[in-house]
Every structure is written in structure tokens, then in C-alpha cells.
PDB file of all heavy atoms in Angstrom:
ATOM      1  N   ALA A   1     111.531 131.876-218.371  1.00  0.00           N
ATOM      2  CA  ALA A   1     112.321 131.277-217.289  1.00  0.00           C
ATOM      3  C   ALA A   1     112.745 132.338-216.286  1.00  0.00           C
ATOM      4  O   ALA A   1     112.689 132.120-215.072  1.00  0.00           O
ATOM      5  CB  ALA A   1     113.542 130.561-217.866  1.00  0.00           C
ATOM      6  N   ALA A   2     113.152 133.510-216.786  1.00  0.00           N
ATOM      7  CA  ALA A   2     113.555 134.602-215.891  1.00  0.00           C
ATOM      8  C   ALA A   2     112.359 135.092-215.075  1.00  0.00           C
ATOM      9  O   ALA A   2     112.482 135.335-213.869  1.00  0.00           O
ATOM     10  CB  ALA A   2     114.157 135.745-216.701  1.00  0.00           C
ATOM     11  N   ALA A   3     111.201 135.218-215.718  1.00  0.00           N
ATOM     12  CA  ALA A   3     109.997 135.657-215.003  1.00  0.00           C
ATOM     13  C   ALA A   3     109.587 134.633-213.952  1.00  0.00           C
ATOM     14  O   ALA A   3     109.181 134.991-212.838  1.00  0.00           O
ATOM     15  CB  ALA A   3     108.858 135.894-215.999  1.00  0.00           C
ATOM     16  N   LYS A   4     109.715 133.352-214.294  1.00  0.00           N
ATOM     17  CA  LYS A   4     109.379 132.293-213.342  1.00  0.00           C
ATOM     18  C   LYS A   4     110.309 132.341-212.139  1.00  0.00           C
ATOM     19  O   LYS A   4     109.869 132.225-210.995  1.00  0.00           O
ATOM     20  CB  LYS A   4     109.459 130.936-214.026  1.00  0.00           C
ATOM     21  CG  LYS A   4     109.105 129.780-213.122  1.00  0.00           C
ATOM     22  CD  LYS A   4     109.234 128.442-213.831  1.00  0.00           C
ATOM     23  CE  LYS A   4     108.943 127.300-212.881  1.00  0.00           C
ATOM     24  NZ  LYS A   4     109.189 125.997-213.501  1.00  0.00           N
ATOM     25  N   ALA A   5     111.599 132.522-212.401  1.00  0.00           N
ATOM     26  CA  ALA A   5     112.575 132.593-211.309  1.00  0.00           C
ATOM     27  C   ALA A   5     112.292 133.799-210.414  1.00  0.00           C
ATOM     28  O   ALA A   5     112.360 133.694-209.182  1.00  0.00           O
ATOM     29  CB  ALA A   5     113.990 132.667-211.876  1.00  0.00           C
ATOM     30  N   ALA A   6     111.946 134.930-211.020  1.00  0.00           N
ATOM     31  CA  ALA A   6     111.633 136.132-210.239  1.00  0.00           C
ATOM     32  C   ALA A   6     110.381 135.905-209.399  1.00  0.00           C
ATOM     33  O   ALA A   6     110.337 136.286-208.225  1.00  0.00           O
ATOM     34  CB  ALA A   6     111.450 137.328-211.168  1.00  0.00           C
ATOM     35  N   ALA A   7     109.371 135.280-209.985  1.00  0.00           N
ATOM     36  CA  ALA A   7     108.136 134.997-209.242  1.00  0.00           C
ATOM     37  C   ALA A   7     108.400 134.034-208.086  1.00  0.00           C
ATOM     38  O   ALA A   7     107.870 134.219-206.984  1.00  0.00           O
ATOM     39  CB  ALA A   7     107.071 134.422-210.184  1.00  0.00           C
ATOM     40  N   GLU A   8     109.219 133.029-208.329  1.00  0.00           N
ATOM     41  CA  GLU A   8     109.561 132.077-207.265  1.00  0.00           C
ATOM     42  C   GLU A   8     110.320 132.768-206.138  1.00  0.00           C
ATOM     43  O   GLU A   8     110.087 132.487-204.960  1.00  0.00           O
ATOM     44  CB  GLU A   8     110.369 130.907-207.828  1.00  0.00           C
ATOM     45  CG  GLU A   8     109.537 129.953-208.665  1.00  0.00           C
ATOM     46  CD  GLU A   8     110.356 128.879-209.359  1.00  0.00           C
ATOM     47  OE1 GLU A   8     111.606 128.989-209.402  1.00  0.00           O
ATOM     48  OE2 GLU A   8     109.744 127.929-209.871  1.00  0.00           O
ATOM     49  N   ALA A   9     111.207 133.696-206.502  1.00  0.00           N
ATOM     50  CA  ALA A   9     111.952 134.446-205.481  1.00  0.00           C
ATOM     51  C   ALA A   9     111.005 135.317-204.665  1.00  0.00           C
ATOM     52  O   ALA A   9     111.129 135.401-203.438  1.00  0.00           O
ATOM     53  CB  ALA A   9     113.032 135.299-206.142  1.00  0.00           C
ATOM     54  N   GLU A  10     110.050 135.958-205.349  1.00  0.00           N
ATOM     55  CA  GLU A  10     109.067 136.785-204.640  1.00  0.00           C
ATOM     56  C   GLU A  10     108.206 135.928-203.715  1.00  0.00           C
ATOM     57  O   GLU A  10     107.908 136.339-202.586  1.00  0.00           O
ATOM     58  CB  GLU A  10     108.183 137.536-205.636  1.00  0.00           C
ATOM     59  CG  GLU A  10     108.886 138.680-206.329  1.00  0.00           C
ATOM     60  CD  GLU A  10     107.987 139.396-207.325  1.00  0.00           C
ATOM     61  OE1 GLU A  10     106.749 139.373-207.148  1.00  0.00           O
ATOM     62  OE2 GLU A  10     108.525 139.986-208.265  1.00  0.00           O
ATOM     63  N   LEU A  11     107.815 134.762-204.177  1.00  0.00           N
ATOM     64  CA  LEU A  11     107.015 133.866-203.338  1.00  0.00           C
ATOM     65  C   LEU A  11     107.810 133.403-202.121  1.00  0.00           C
ATOM     66  O   LEU A  11     107.266 133.311-201.017  1.00  0.00           O
ATOM     67  CB  LEU A  11     106.538 132.658-204.151  1.00  0.00           C
ATOM     68  CG  LEU A  11     105.386 132.911-205.108  1.00  0.00           C
ATOM     69  CD1 LEU A  11     105.134 131.671-205.963  1.00  0.00           C
ATOM     70  CD2 LEU A  11     104.128 133.306-204.370  1.00  0.00           C
ATOM     71  N   ALA A  12     109.079 133.106-202.329  1.00  0.00           N
ATOM     72  CA  ALA A  12     109.921 132.682-201.209  1.00  0.00           C
ATOM     73  C   ALA A  12     110.044 133.805-200.181  1.00  0.00           C
ATOM     74  O   ALA A  12     109.959 133.568-198.974  1.00  0.00           O
ATOM     75  CB  ALA A  12     111.302 132.269-201.718  1.00  0.00           C
ATOM     76  N   GLU A  13     110.214 135.029-200.668  1.00  0.00           N
ATOM     77  CA  GLU A  13     110.319 136.174-199.763  1.00  0.00           C
ATOM     78  C   GLU A  13     109.008 136.385-199.016  1.00  0.00           C
ATOM     79  O   GLU A  13     109.006 136.628-197.806  1.00  0.00           O
ATOM     80  CB  GLU A  13     110.687 137.442-200.548  1.00  0.00           C
ATOM     81  CG  GLU A  13     110.898 138.658-199.686  1.00  0.00           C
ATOM     82  CD  GLU A  13     112.050 138.516-198.691  1.00  0.00           C
ATOM     83  OE1 GLU A  13     113.001 137.778-198.966  1.00  0.00           O
ATOM     84  OE2 GLU A  13     111.982 139.158-197.630  1.00  0.00           O
ATOM     85  N   ALA A  14     107.893 136.258-199.733  1.00  0.00           N
ATOM     86  CA  ALA A  14     106.584 136.403-199.081  1.00  0.00           C
ATOM     87  C   ALA A  14     106.389 135.299-198.042  1.00  0.00           C
ATOM     88  O   ALA A  14     105.841 135.539-196.960  1.00  0.00           O
ATOM     89  CB  ALA A  14     105.465 136.355-200.124  1.00  0.00           C
ATOM     90  N   GLY A  15     106.849 134.107-198.350  1.00  0.00           N
ATOM     91  CA  GLY A  15     106.760 132.997-197.401  1.00  0.00           C
ATOM     92  C   GLY A  15     107.568 133.280-196.141  1.00  0.00           C
ATOM     93  O   GLY A  15     107.118 132.999-195.028  1.00  0.00           O
ATOM     94  N   LYS A  16     108.753 133.863-196.320  1.00  0.00           N
ATOM     95  CA  LYS A  16     109.578 134.218-195.159  1.00  0.00           C
ATOM     96  C   LYS A  16     108.883 135.275-194.307  1.00  0.00           C
ATOM     97  O   LYS A  16     108.903 135.197-193.075  1.00  0.00           O
ATOM     98  CB  LYS A  16     110.948 134.733-195.611  1.00  0.00           C
ATOM     99  CG  LYS A  16     111.851 133.668-196.165  1.00  0.00           C
ATOM    100  CD  LYS A  16     113.167 134.263-196.642  1.00  0.00           C
ATOM    101  CE  LYS A  16     114.036 133.224-197.309  1.00  0.00           C
ATOM    102  NZ  LYS A  16     115.271 133.802-197.847  1.00  0.00           N
ATOM    103  N   LEU A  17     108.286 136.272-194.988  1.00  0.00           N
ATOM    104  CA  LEU A  17     107.581 137.322-194.250  1.00  0.00           C
ATOM    105  C   LEU A  17     106.382 136.744-193.501  1.00  0.00           C
ATOM    106  O   LEU A  17     106.138 137.106-192.341  1.00  0.00           O
ATOM    107  CB  LEU A  17     107.127 138.431-195.205  1.00  0.00           C
ATOM    108  CG  LEU A  17     108.234 139.300-195.798  1.00  0.00           C
ATOM    109  CD1 LEU A  17     107.665 140.257-196.834  1.00  0.00           C
ATOM    110  CD2 LEU A  17     108.972 140.067-194.716  1.00  0.00           C
ATOM    111  N   ASN A  18     105.660 135.851-194.147  1.00  0.00           N
ATOM    112  CA  ASN A  18     104.515 135.213-193.495  1.00  0.00           C
ATOM    113  C   ASN A  18     104.966 134.394-192.293  1.00  0.00           C
ATOM    114  O   ASN A  18     104.331 134.432-191.232  1.00  0.00           O
ATOM    115  CB  ASN A  18     103.750 134.323-194.480  1.00  0.00           C
ATOM    116  CG  ASN A  18     102.903 135.116-195.440  1.00  0.00           C
ATOM    117  OD1 ASN A  18     102.611 136.275-195.209  1.00  0.00           O
ATOM    118  ND2 ASN A  18     102.516 134.490-196.539  1.00  0.00           N
ATOM    119  N   GLU A  19     106.044 133.656-192.462  1.00  0.00           N
ATOM    120  CA  GLU A  19     106.580 132.838-191.363  1.00  0.00           C
ATOM    121  C   GLU A  19     106.986 133.731-190.193  1.00  0.00           C
ATOM    122  O   GLU A  19     106.696 133.430-189.034  1.00  0.00           O
ATOM    123  CB  GLU A  19     107.778 132.023-191.855  1.00  0.00           C
ATOM    124  CG  GLU A  19     108.328 131.066-190.841  1.00  0.00           C
ATOM    125  CD  GLU A  19     107.417 129.888-190.563  1.00  0.00           C
ATOM    126  OE1 GLU A  19     106.616 129.521-191.444  1.00  0.00           O
ATOM    127  OE2 GLU A  19     107.509 129.326-189.464  1.00  0.00           O
ATOM    128  N   SER A  20     107.640 134.840-190.512  1.00  0.00           N
ATOM    129  CA  SER A  20     108.055 135.788-189.476  1.00  0.00           C
ATOM    130  C   SER A  20     106.845 136.360-188.755  1.00  0.00           C
ATOM    131  O   SER A  20     106.824 136.462-187.524  1.00  0.00           O
ATOM    132  CB  SER A  20     108.874 136.914-190.109  1.00  0.00           C
ATOM    133  OG  SER A  20     109.178 137.907-189.163  1.00  0.00           O
ATOM    134  N   PHE A  21     105.825 136.731-189.521  1.00  0.00           N
ATOM    135  CA  PHE A  21     104.604 137.274-188.928  1.00  0.00           C
ATOM    136  C   PHE A  21     103.939 136.241-188.029  1.00  0.00           C
ATOM    137  O   PHE A  21     103.511 136.558-186.914  1.00  0.00           O
ATOM    138  CB  PHE A  21     103.626 137.713-190.026  1.00  0.00           C
ATOM    139  CG  PHE A  21     102.291 138.137-189.508  1.00  0.00           C
ATOM    140  CD1 PHE A  21     102.125 139.379-188.921  1.00  0.00           C
ATOM    141  CD2 PHE A  21     101.199 137.278-189.588  1.00  0.00           C
ATOM    142  CE1 PHE A  21     100.884 139.776-188.428  1.00  0.00           C
ATOM    143  CE2 PHE A  21      99.967 137.663-189.102  1.00  0.00           C
ATOM    144  CZ  PHE A  21      99.813 138.916-188.520  1.00  0.00           C
ATOM    145  N   LEU A  22     103.850 135.005-188.500  1.00  0.00           N
ATOM    146  CA  LEU A  22     103.231 133.951-187.701  1.00  0.00           C
ATOM    147  C   LEU A  22     104.015 133.681-186.419  1.00  0.00           C
ATOM    148  O   LEU A  22     103.419 133.482-185.351  1.00  0.00           O
ATOM    149  CB  LEU A  22     103.103 132.664-188.530  1.00  0.00           C
ATOM    150  CG  LEU A  22     102.072 132.705-189.658  1.00  0.00           C
ATOM    151  CD1 LEU A  22     102.160 131.423-190.489  1.00  0.00           C
ATOM    152  CD2 LEU A  22     100.672 132.890-189.122  1.00  0.00           C
ATOM    153  N   ASN A  23     105.335 133.666-186.523  1.00  0.00           N
ATOM    154  CA  ASN A  23     106.157 133.457-185.326  1.00  0.00           C
ATOM    155  C   ASN A  23     105.958 134.582-184.317  1.00  0.00           C
ATOM    156  O   ASN A  23     105.850 134.338-183.113  1.00  0.00           O
ATOM    157  CB  ASN A  23     107.636 133.345-185.707  1.00  0.00           C
ATOM    158  CG  ASN A  23     107.955 132.040-186.409  1.00  0.00           C
ATOM    159  OD1 ASN A  23     107.218 131.066-186.289  1.00  0.00           O
ATOM    160  ND2 ASN A  23     109.042 132.017-187.158  1.00  0.00           N
ATOM    161  N   LYS A  24     105.900 135.809-184.813  1.00  0.00           N
ATOM    162  CA  LYS A  24     105.690 136.958-183.923  1.00  0.00           C
ATOM    163  C   LYS A  24     104.317 136.871-183.269  1.00  0.00           C
ATOM    164  O   LYS A  24     104.176 137.083-182.061  1.00  0.00           O
ATOM    165  CB  LYS A  24     105.821 138.261-184.710  1.00  0.00           C
ATOM    166  CG  LYS A  24     105.663 139.500-183.860  1.00  0.00           C
ATOM    167  CD  LYS A  24     105.791 140.763-184.686  1.00  0.00           C
ATOM    168  CE  LYS A  24     105.535 141.978-183.802  1.00  0.00           C
ATOM    169  NZ  LYS A  24     105.477 143.209-184.567  1.00  0.00           N
ATOM    170  N   ALA A  25     103.298 136.558-184.062  1.00  0.00           N
ATOM    171  CA  ALA A  25     101.939 136.444-183.527  1.00  0.00           C
ATOM    172  C   ALA A  25     101.866 135.324-182.490  1.00  0.00           C
ATOM    173  O   ALA A  25     101.237 135.486-181.430  1.00  0.00           O
ATOM    174  CB  ALA A  25     100.947 136.187-184.663  1.00  0.00           C
ATOM    175  N   GLU A  26     102.508 134.198-182.764  1.00  0.00           N
ATOM    176  CA  GLU A  26     102.509 133.077-181.820  1.00  0.00           C
ATOM    177  C   GLU A  26     103.186 133.477-180.508  1.00  0.00           C
ATOM    178  O   GLU A  26     102.699 133.141-179.423  1.00  0.00           O
ATOM    179  CB  GLU A  26     103.226 131.877-182.445  1.00  0.00           C
ATOM    180  CG  GLU A  26     103.197 130.632-181.591  1.00  0.00           C
ATOM    181  CD  GLU A  26     103.884 129.449-182.259  1.00  0.00           C
ATOM    182  OE1 GLU A  26     104.289 129.555-183.428  1.00  0.00           O
ATOM    183  OE2 GLU A  26     104.009 128.410-181.588  1.00  0.00           O
ATOM    184  N   SER A  27     104.271 134.200-180.634  1.00  0.00           N
ATOM    185  CA  SER A  27     104.991 134.656-179.441  1.00  0.00           C
ATOM    186  C   SER A  27     104.119 135.612-178.618  1.00  0.00           C
ATOM    187  O   SER A  27     104.049 135.507-177.388  1.00  0.00           O
ATOM    188  CB  SER A  27     106.284 135.353-179.868  1.00  0.00           C
ATOM    189  OG  SER A  27     106.936 135.908-178.754  1.00  0.00           O
ATOM    190  N   GLU A  28     103.450 136.527-179.311  1.00  0.00           N
ATOM    191  CA  GLU A  28     102.582 137.481-178.605  1.00  0.00           C
ATOM    192  C   GLU A  28     101.405 136.764-177.946  1.00  0.00           C
ATOM    193  O   GLU A  28     101.032 137.084-176.812  1.00  0.00           O
ATOM    194  CB  GLU A  28     102.074 138.548-179.582  1.00  0.00           C
ATOM    195  CG  GLU A  28     103.156 139.509-180.034  1.00  0.00           C
ATOM    196  CD  GLU A  28     102.693 140.468-181.117  1.00  0.00           C
ATOM    197  OE1 GLU A  28     101.527 140.380-181.568  1.00  0.00           O
ATOM    198  OE2 GLU A  28     103.512 141.317-181.525  1.00  0.00           O
ATOM    199  N   ILE A  29     100.845 135.799-178.639  1.00  0.00           N
ATOM    200  CA  ILE A  29      99.721 135.039-178.077  1.00  0.00           C
ATOM    201  C   ILE A  29     100.182 134.238-176.865  1.00  0.00           C
ATOM    202  O   ILE A  29      99.495 134.183-175.846  1.00  0.00           O
ATOM    203  CB  ILE A  29      99.090 134.125-179.157  1.00  0.00           C
ATOM    204  CG1 ILE A  29      98.343 134.968-180.173  1.00  0.00           C
ATOM    205  CG2 ILE A  29      98.167 133.092-178.525  1.00  0.00           C
ATOM    206  CD1 ILE A  29      97.902 134.217-181.408  1.00  0.00           C
ATOM    207  N   SER A  30     101.348 133.624-176.967  1.00  0.00           N
ATOM    208  CA  SER A  30     101.883 132.849-175.836  1.00  0.00           C
ATOM    209  C   SER A  30     102.099 133.749-174.625  1.00  0.00           C
ATOM    210  O   SER A  30     101.782 133.361-173.492  1.00  0.00           O
ATOM    211  CB  SER A  30     103.198 132.180-176.217  1.00  0.00           C
ATOM    212  OG  SER A  30     102.986 131.206-177.208  1.00  0.00           O
ATOM    213  N   ALA A  31     102.611 134.953-174.856  1.00  0.00           N
ATOM    214  CA  ALA A  31     102.832 135.890-173.751  1.00  0.00           C
ATOM    215  C   ALA A  31     101.490 136.301-173.134  1.00  0.00           C
ATOM    216  O   ALA A  31     101.356 136.389-171.900  1.00  0.00           O
ATOM    217  CB  ALA A  31     103.589 137.117-174.238  1.00  0.00           C
ATOM    218  N   GLU A  32     100.499 136.532-173.976  1.00  0.00           N
ATOM    219  CA  GLU A  32      99.179 136.923-173.463  1.00  0.00           C
ATOM    220  C   GLU A  32      98.541 135.779-172.676  1.00  0.00           C
ATOM    221  O   GLU A  32      97.963 135.987-171.607  1.00  0.00           O
ATOM    222  CB  GLU A  32      98.267 137.341-174.622  1.00  0.00           C
ATOM    223  CG  GLU A  32      96.955 137.930-174.166  1.00  0.00           C
ATOM    224  CD  GLU A  32      96.140 138.512-175.311  1.00  0.00           C
ATOM    225  OE1 GLU A  32      96.712 138.790-176.382  1.00  0.00           O
ATOM    226  OE2 GLU A  32      94.923 138.683-175.110  1.00  0.00           O
ATOM    227  N   VAL A  33      98.663 134.561-173.195  1.00  0.00           N
ATOM    228  CA  VAL A  33      98.120 133.389-172.492  1.00  0.00           C
ATOM    229  C   VAL A  33      98.814 133.221-171.140  1.00  0.00           C
ATOM    230  O   VAL A  33      98.166 132.952-170.122  1.00  0.00           O
ATOM    231  CB  VAL A  33      98.262 132.115-173.357  1.00  0.00           C
ATOM    232  CG1 VAL A  33      98.025 130.859-172.542  1.00  0.00           C
ATOM    233  CG2 VAL A  33      97.296 132.175-174.537  1.00  0.00           C
ATOM    234  N   ALA A  34     100.124 133.399-171.110  1.00  0.00           N
ATOM    235  CA  ALA A  34     100.862 133.282-169.846  1.00  0.00           C
ATOM    236  C   ALA A  34     100.381 134.336-168.850  1.00  0.00           C
ATOM    237  O   ALA A  34     100.197 134.043-167.656  1.00  0.00           O
ATOM    238  CB  ALA A  34     102.360 133.421-170.094  1.00  0.00           C
ATOM    239  N   GLY A  35     100.146 135.552-169.335  1.00  0.00           N
ATOM    240  CA  GLY A  35      99.636 136.614-168.464  1.00  0.00           C
ATOM    241  C   GLY A  35      98.258 136.286-167.928  1.00  0.00           C
ATOM    242  O   GLY A  35      97.965 136.495-166.730  1.00  0.00           O
ATOM    243  N   LEU A  36      97.389 135.785-168.787  1.00  0.00           N
ATOM    244  CA  LEU A  36      96.031 135.421-168.359  1.00  0.00           C
ATOM    245  C   LEU A  36      96.069 134.265-167.369  1.00  0.00           C
ATOM    246  O   LEU A  36      95.312 134.250-166.385  1.00  0.00           O
ATOM    247  CB  LEU A  36      95.166 135.058-169.569  1.00  0.00           C
ATOM    248  CG  LEU A  36      94.803 136.237-170.497  1.00  0.00           C
ATOM    249  CD1 LEU A  36      94.102 135.721-171.746  1.00  0.00           C
ATOM    250  CD2 LEU A  36      93.940 137.255-169.768  1.00  0.00           C
ATOM    251  N   ARG A  37      96.955 133.292-167.605  1.00  0.00           N
ATOM    252  CA  ARG A  37      97.085 132.169-166.658  1.00  0.00           C
ATOM    253  C   ARG A  37      97.561 132.678-165.286  1.00  0.00           C
ATOM    254  O   ARG A  37      97.085 132.218-164.256  1.00  0.00           O
ATOM    255  CB  ARG A  37      98.069 131.130-167.192  1.00  0.00           C
ATOM    256  CG  ARG A  37      97.482 130.239-168.228  1.00  0.00           C
ATOM    257  CD  ARG A  37      98.444 129.152-168.633  1.00  0.00           C
ATOM    258  NE  ARG A  37      97.831 128.300-169.637  1.00  0.00           N
ATOM    259  CZ  ARG A  37      98.483 127.660-170.566  1.00  0.00           C
ATOM    260  NH1 ARG A  37      99.799 127.736-170.632  1.00  0.00           N
ATOM    261  NH2 ARG A  37      97.843 126.916-171.442  1.00  0.00           N
ATOM    262  N   SER A  38      98.494 133.605-165.330  1.00  0.00           N
ATOM    263  CA  SER A  38      99.012 134.169-164.083  1.00  0.00           C
ATOM    264  C   SER A  38      97.909 134.899-163.324  1.00  0.00           C
ATOM    265  O   SER A  38      97.770 134.745-162.099  1.00  0.00           O
ATOM    266  CB  SER A  38     100.161 135.123-164.392  1.00  0.00           C
ATOM    267  OG  SER A  38     100.638 135.733-163.214  1.00  0.00           O
TER     268      SER A  38
END
């Protein structure tokens, strides 16, 4: 149970990092698209 809880916590943290990375990438892509449109 302790190992499962630790693994779930690690997965949640990895999910947060992935979400953060995706948000940053989306923001950078949006800025690049806006520049290209301009």
C-alpha cells in the first residue's frame, strides 16, 4: 500500500510536469504562430 501510494504520488508529479511542459510548448507555439501571421 505504501509503495502504491508513493508510485501514485510520483505519477501525479510527473503528470503535473507534463502538463506544465505542454502548456509552455503551447504558449511558445502560439507566440511563433502569431509572429508568422504578423
